[in-house]
Structures are given as C-alpha cells and as structure tokens.
Amino acid sequence: MVDIVLEAYADPKWMKFEAEWRAGRMGSRDCLRAQMALMRATKKQVDTLLDTINLDEGLGDLLETCSSQLIPVHVISDGFDYFIDRILSRPQNGLTSLWPGVRVCASHLAPNGYRWCAKFPFFDRACGHGCATCKPAAMRLLNRSNAPAIFVGDGLSTNMQ
C-alpha cells in the first residue's frame, strides 16, 4: 500500500530511501519518515487511490474463521494505520462486522493539507533493526500469556525480524 501511494504522490526521490532500506543501510522508521516527507496529496486523493486496492484473496475467510472460533486477530505492520483502516473497513469488503475487534499496531499517518504527518508509536525505544513497528515486541505486548500464535506476513520487514 505504501509503495502504491508513494508512486502516485511522492517526489521520485522516495525510491532512493527505498533502495537504502532494502539494502539494509536504513531502518524502516527513518525510511518511512523520509518518504512521507516527500508526499504531496490531499486526503481525498489518497482515499480515492486506496479505494482501488483490493484485499489479498483469503483474508476475509481468515478473519471470519478466527471470529467464529473466538480467536483474536491483530494487524502488526510497518505500514500505516490510515491505509490499513481505510482499506479493511470498506463496506464492500464485507468485513465491517469483523473489523471492530481487530487491533492495529502500525505507524500512524495523518493528513495535514497536502502534507502527511508520520508518527511511530510502536515502540518509543527503537529496536535494533530501526523498525517503524517492532513486530516481535508488538506480538509480546498483545500475547502476554505467551499462548500459541500464528504470524502471517508478506513484506520485507517481516523478513528483517
């Protein structure tokens, strides 16, 4: 989602930071902060673009199965809460009854005119990787009893943990 929005609305210099991050020379927190500083778009423009992004196949089924079995679901992402909330709470996805119980641990993004303000609430102290959201720390926070957990990820930040 982040790359799609950056491709549409950021100065092409954002790719320089992406290359540094992919090469492991920069953490995702610093990368995202620099990239969002290069983005210029209104809330309406970003919302319109986000509304074109489809859910991964099977996500709805996974959430329905977890809900029916009373299994808690959390989204832990190096991405942004604004994008996640916008896409997953769309009525046409049919997840609105499942979504209120899901906790999102992600970077925070808020519009301010044509600029966007990125904040990184998970966690105050930087992890060794410089993550925007430290996934192992978030999982420990959400699973204090150390119960069995399933982690599903598809991004590069998942591999860096």
C-alpha atoms as a PDB file:
ATOM      1  CA  MET A   1       0.000   0.000   0.000  1.00  0.00           C
ATOM      2  CA  VAL A   2       2.775   2.430   0.935  1.00  0.00           C
ATOM      3  CA  ASP A   3       4.606   1.989  -2.360  1.00  0.00           C
ATOM      4  CA  ILE A   4       1.408   2.450  -4.377  1.00  0.00           C
ATOM      5  CA  VAL A   5       0.693   5.755  -2.626  1.00  0.00           C
ATOM      6  CA  LEU A   6       4.310   6.904  -2.938  1.00  0.00           C
ATOM      7  CA  GLU A   7       4.405   6.036  -6.648  1.00  0.00           C
ATOM      8  CA  ALA A   8       1.351   8.206  -7.186  1.00  0.00           C
ATOM      9  CA  TYR A   9       2.051  11.174  -4.916  1.00  0.00           C
ATOM     10  CA  ALA A  10       5.688  11.417  -3.830  1.00  0.00           C
ATOM     11  CA  ASP A  11       8.707  13.031  -5.357  1.00  0.00           C
ATOM     12  CA  PRO A  12      10.647  10.243  -7.134  1.00  0.00           C
ATOM     13  CA  LYS A  13      13.436  10.733  -4.587  1.00  0.00           C
ATOM     14  CA  TRP A  14      11.424   8.383  -2.347  1.00  0.00           C
ATOM     15  CA  MET A  15      12.976   5.476  -4.270  1.00  0.00           C
ATOM     16  CA  LYS A  16      16.451   6.463  -3.044  1.00  0.00           C
ATOM     17  CA  PHE A  17      15.315   5.864   0.532  1.00  0.00           C
ATOM     18  CA  GLU A  18      13.630   2.621  -0.519  1.00  0.00           C
ATOM     19  CA  ALA A  19      16.905   1.364  -2.002  1.00  0.00           C
ATOM     20  CA  GLU A  20      18.785   2.254   1.187  1.00  0.00           C
ATOM     21  CA  TRP A  21      16.198   0.390   3.271  1.00  0.00           C
ATOM     22  CA  ARG A  22      16.197  -2.692   1.018  1.00  0.00           C
ATOM     23  CA  ALA A  23      19.993  -2.775   1.195  1.00  0.00           C
ATOM     24  CA  GLY A  24      19.802  -2.758   4.998  1.00  0.00           C
ATOM     25  CA  ARG A  25      21.540   0.600   5.347  1.00  0.00           C
ATOM     26  CA  MET A  26      18.477   2.289   6.827  1.00  0.00           C
ATOM     27  CA  GLY A  27      15.690   1.189   9.162  1.00  0.00           C
ATOM     28  CA  SER A  28      12.072   1.339   8.071  1.00  0.00           C
ATOM     29  CA  ARG A  29      11.287   4.084  10.585  1.00  0.00           C
ATOM     30  CA  ASP A  30      13.803   6.514   9.054  1.00  0.00           C
ATOM     31  CA  CYS A  31      12.903   5.377   5.554  1.00  0.00           C
ATOM     32  CA  LEU A  32       9.181   5.948   6.006  1.00  0.00           C
ATOM     33  CA  ARG A  33       9.717   9.276   7.746  1.00  0.00           C
ATOM     34  CA  ALA A  34      11.838  10.495   4.803  1.00  0.00           C
ATOM     35  CA  GLN A  35       9.448   9.099   2.196  1.00  0.00           C
ATOM     36  CA  MET A  36       6.317  10.617   3.737  1.00  0.00           C
ATOM     37  CA  ALA A  37       8.060  13.986   3.846  1.00  0.00           C
ATOM     38  CA  LEU A  38       8.204  13.756   0.041  1.00  0.00           C
ATOM     39  CA  MET A  39       4.493  13.003  -0.406  1.00  0.00           C
ATOM     40  CA  ARG A  40       2.054  15.691  -1.527  1.00  0.00           C
ATOM     41  CA  ALA A  41      -1.611  14.714  -1.793  1.00  0.00           C
ATOM     42  CA  THR A  42      -4.935  15.617  -0.274  1.00  0.00           C
ATOM     43  CA  LYS A  43      -6.853  13.195   1.915  1.00  0.00           C
ATOM     44  CA  LYS A  44      -9.395  12.829  -0.888  1.00  0.00           C
ATOM     45  CA  GLN A  45      -6.689  11.930  -3.421  1.00  0.00           C
ATOM     46  CA  VAL A  46      -5.191   9.292  -1.125  1.00  0.00           C
ATOM     47  CA  ASP A  47      -8.617   7.883  -0.189  1.00  0.00           C
ATOM     48  CA  THR A  48      -9.561   7.578  -3.860  1.00  0.00           C
ATOM     49  CA  LEU A  49      -6.360   5.665  -4.579  1.00  0.00           C
ATOM     50  CA  LEU A  50      -6.712   3.423  -1.514  1.00  0.00           C
ATOM     51  CA  ASP A  51     -10.257   2.570  -2.585  1.00  0.00           C
ATOM     52  CA  THR A  52      -8.822   0.903  -5.714  1.00  0.00           C
ATOM     53  CA  ILE A  53      -6.635  -1.529  -3.736  1.00  0.00           C
ATOM     54  CA  ASN A  54      -8.120  -4.994  -3.338  1.00  0.00           C
ATOM     55  CA  LEU A  55      -7.720  -7.237  -0.322  1.00  0.00           C
ATOM     56  CA  ASP A  56      -5.492 -10.264  -0.608  1.00  0.00           C
ATOM     57  CA  GLU A  57      -7.505 -13.326  -1.508  1.00  0.00           C
ATOM     58  CA  GLY A  58      -8.415 -15.319   1.569  1.00  0.00           C
ATOM     59  CA  LEU A  59      -8.148 -12.510   4.110  1.00  0.00           C
ATOM     60  CA  GLY A  60     -11.913 -12.320   4.571  1.00  0.00           C
ATOM     61  CA  ASP A  61     -12.130 -16.079   5.076  1.00  0.00           C
ATOM     62  CA  LEU A  62      -9.288 -15.977   7.606  1.00  0.00           C
ATOM     63  CA  LEU A  63     -10.954 -13.200   9.611  1.00  0.00           C
ATOM     64  CA  GLU A  64     -14.329 -14.974   9.515  1.00  0.00           C
ATOM     65  CA  THR A  65     -12.765 -18.242  10.702  1.00  0.00           C
ATOM     66  CA  CYS A  66     -10.926 -16.523  13.535  1.00  0.00           C
ATOM     67  CA  SER A  67     -14.065 -14.653  14.570  1.00  0.00           C
ATOM     68  CA  SER A  68     -16.206 -17.798  14.584  1.00  0.00           C
ATOM     69  CA  GLN A  69     -13.610 -19.565  16.757  1.00  0.00           C
ATOM     70  CA  LEU A  70     -13.180 -16.523  19.063  1.00  0.00           C
ATOM     71  CA  ILE A  71      -9.525 -16.236  18.057  1.00  0.00           C
ATOM     72  CA  PRO A  72      -8.220 -12.670  18.441  1.00  0.00           C
ATOM     73  CA  VAL A  73      -6.706 -11.069  15.355  1.00  0.00           C
ATOM     74  CA  HIS A  74      -4.228  -8.221  15.296  1.00  0.00           C
ATOM     75  CA  VAL A  75      -2.606  -6.410  12.395  1.00  0.00           C
ATOM     76  CA  ILE A  76       1.041  -5.633  13.104  1.00  0.00           C
ATOM     77  CA  SER A  77       2.533  -3.622  10.290  1.00  0.00           C
ATOM     78  CA  ASP A  78       5.463  -1.437   9.353  1.00  0.00           C
ATOM     79  CA  GLY A  79       2.903   0.357   7.186  1.00  0.00           C
ATOM     80  CA  PHE A  80       0.380   2.984   8.236  1.00  0.00           C
ATOM     81  CA  ASP A  81      -2.811   2.695  10.244  1.00  0.00           C
ATOM     82  CA  TYR A  82      -4.563   5.173   7.958  1.00  0.00           C
ATOM     83  CA  PHE A  83      -4.083   2.938   4.899  1.00  0.00           C
ATOM     84  CA  ILE A  84      -4.964  -0.269   6.762  1.00  0.00           C
ATOM     85  CA  ASP A  85      -8.117   1.177   8.335  1.00  0.00           C
ATOM     86  CA  ARG A  86      -9.293   2.720   5.063  1.00  0.00           C
ATOM     87  CA  ILE A  87      -8.923  -0.474   3.067  1.00  0.00           C
ATOM     88  CA  LEU A  88     -10.129  -3.028   5.620  1.00  0.00           C
ATOM     89  CA  SER A  89     -13.128  -1.030   6.841  1.00  0.00           C
ATOM     90  CA  ARG A  90     -14.682  -0.518   3.388  1.00  0.00           C
ATOM     91  CA  PRO A  91     -18.257  -1.866   3.496  1.00  0.00           C
ATOM     92  CA  GLN A  92     -17.864  -3.644   0.122  1.00  0.00           C
ATOM     93  CA  ASN A  93     -15.202  -5.907   1.642  1.00  0.00           C
ATOM     94  CA  GLY A  94     -17.840  -7.411   3.931  1.00  0.00           C
ATOM     95  CA  LEU A  95     -15.556  -7.217   6.966  1.00  0.00           C
ATOM     96  CA  THR A  96     -17.245  -4.401   8.872  1.00  0.00           C
ATOM     97  CA  SER A  97     -18.715  -6.779  11.461  1.00  0.00           C
ATOM     98  CA  LEU A  98     -15.294  -8.412  11.976  1.00  0.00           C
ATOM     99  CA  TRP A  99     -13.092  -5.319  11.886  1.00  0.00           C
ATOM    100  CA  PRO A 100     -14.050  -3.598  15.202  1.00  0.00           C
ATOM    101  CA  GLY A 101     -12.383  -6.357  17.268  1.00  0.00           C
ATOM    102  CA  VAL A 102      -9.088  -6.179  15.388  1.00  0.00           C
ATOM    103  CA  ARG A 103      -6.264  -4.186  16.970  1.00  0.00           C
ATOM    104  CA  VAL A 104      -3.920  -2.414  14.570  1.00  0.00           C
ATOM    105  CA  CYS A 105      -0.315  -1.882  15.657  1.00  0.00           C
ATOM    106  CA  ALA A 106       1.211   0.211  12.903  1.00  0.00           C
ATOM    107  CA  SER A 107       2.808   3.531  12.185  1.00  0.00           C
ATOM    108  CA  HIS A 108       0.390   6.447  12.411  1.00  0.00           C
ATOM    109  CA  LEU A 109      -0.287   8.675   9.431  1.00  0.00           C
ATOM    110  CA  ALA A 110      -2.496  11.756   9.410  1.00  0.00           C
ATOM    111  CA  PRO A 111      -3.260  14.284   6.657  1.00  0.00           C
ATOM    112  CA  ASN A 112      -2.401  17.949   7.061  1.00  0.00           C
ATOM    113  CA  GLY A 113      -3.445  19.648   3.851  1.00  0.00           C
ATOM    114  CA  TYR A 114      -1.175  18.324   1.079  1.00  0.00           C
ATOM    115  CA  ARG A 115       1.353  17.012   3.597  1.00  0.00           C
ATOM    116  CA  TRP A 116       1.162  13.908   5.744  1.00  0.00           C
ATOM    117  CA  CYS A 117       2.446  13.538   9.287  1.00  0.00           C
ATOM    118  CA  ALA A 118       4.022  10.179  10.150  1.00  0.00           C
ATOM    119  CA  LYS A 119       4.450   9.044  13.755  1.00  0.00           C
ATOM    120  CA  PHE A 120       5.779   5.786  15.101  1.00  0.00           C
ATOM    121  CA  PRO A 121       4.011   4.790  18.336  1.00  0.00           C
ATOM    122  CA  PHE A 122       5.200   1.131  18.367  1.00  0.00           C
ATOM    123  CA  PHE A 123       7.689   1.482  20.110  1.00  0.00           C
ATOM    124  CA  ASP A 124       9.212   4.563  21.707  1.00  0.00           C
ATOM    125  CA  ARG A 125      12.600   2.919  22.006  1.00  0.00           C
ATOM    126  CA  ALA A 126      13.987   1.896  18.663  1.00  0.00           C
ATOM    127  CA  CYS A 127      14.597  -1.790  18.099  1.00  0.00           C
ATOM    128  CA  GLY A 128      17.928  -2.952  16.755  1.00  0.00           C
ATOM    129  CA  HIS A 129      16.603  -3.017  13.195  1.00  0.00           C
ATOM    130  CA  GLY A 130      15.251   0.541  13.253  1.00  0.00           C
ATOM    131  CA  CYS A 131      11.758  -0.770  12.561  1.00  0.00           C
ATOM    132  CA  ALA A 132       8.796   1.533  12.295  1.00  0.00           C
ATOM    133  CA  THR A 133       6.825  -1.111  14.188  1.00  0.00           C
ATOM    134  CA  CYS A 134       8.799  -3.773  16.022  1.00  0.00           C
ATOM    135  CA  LYS A 135       6.754  -6.886  15.247  1.00  0.00           C
ATOM    136  CA  PRO A 136       8.240  -9.198  17.904  1.00  0.00           C
ATOM    137  CA  ALA A 137       7.732  -6.527  20.590  1.00  0.00           C
ATOM    138  CA  ALA A 138       4.142  -5.910  19.443  1.00  0.00           C
ATOM    139  CA  MET A 139       3.436  -9.642  19.492  1.00  0.00           C
ATOM    140  CA  ARG A 140       4.780  -9.874  23.051  1.00  0.00           C
ATOM    141  CA  LEU A 141       2.592  -6.917  24.074  1.00  0.00           C
ATOM    142  CA  LEU A 142      -0.522  -8.483  22.569  1.00  0.00           C
ATOM    143  CA  ASN A 143       0.194 -12.008  23.806  1.00  0.00           C
ATOM    144  CA  ARG A 144       1.272 -11.562  27.421  1.00  0.00           C
ATOM    145  CA  SER A 145       0.365 -15.164  28.316  1.00  0.00           C
ATOM    146  CA  ASN A 146       2.704 -16.464  25.581  1.00  0.00           C
ATOM    147  CA  ALA A 147      -0.127 -18.524  24.080  1.00  0.00           C
ATOM    148  CA  PRO A 148       0.427 -20.159  20.699  1.00  0.00           C
ATOM    149  CA  ALA A 149       0.267 -17.536  17.940  1.00  0.00           C
ATOM    150  CA  ILE A 150       0.251 -17.530  14.174  1.00  0.00           C
ATOM    151  CA  PHE A 151       2.134 -14.768  12.375  1.00  0.00           C
ATOM    152  CA  VAL A 152       1.316 -14.135   8.729  1.00  0.00           C
ATOM    153  CA  GLY A 153       3.476 -11.718   6.772  1.00  0.00           C
ATOM    154  CA  ASP A 154       4.321 -10.951   3.202  1.00  0.00           C
ATOM    155  CA  GLY A 155       6.620  -7.947   3.300  1.00  0.00           C
ATOM    156  CA  LEU A 156      10.326  -7.320   3.511  1.00  0.00           C
ATOM    157  CA  SER A 157      10.001  -6.025   7.073  1.00  0.00           C
ATOM    158  CA  THR A 158       8.703  -9.469   8.068  1.00  0.00           C
ATOM    159  CA  ASN A 159      11.974 -10.989   6.890  1.00  0.00           C
ATOM    160  CA  MET A 160      14.104  -8.476   8.766  1.00  0.00           C
ATOM    161  CA  GLN A 161      12.736  -9.504  12.161  1.00  0.00           C
END
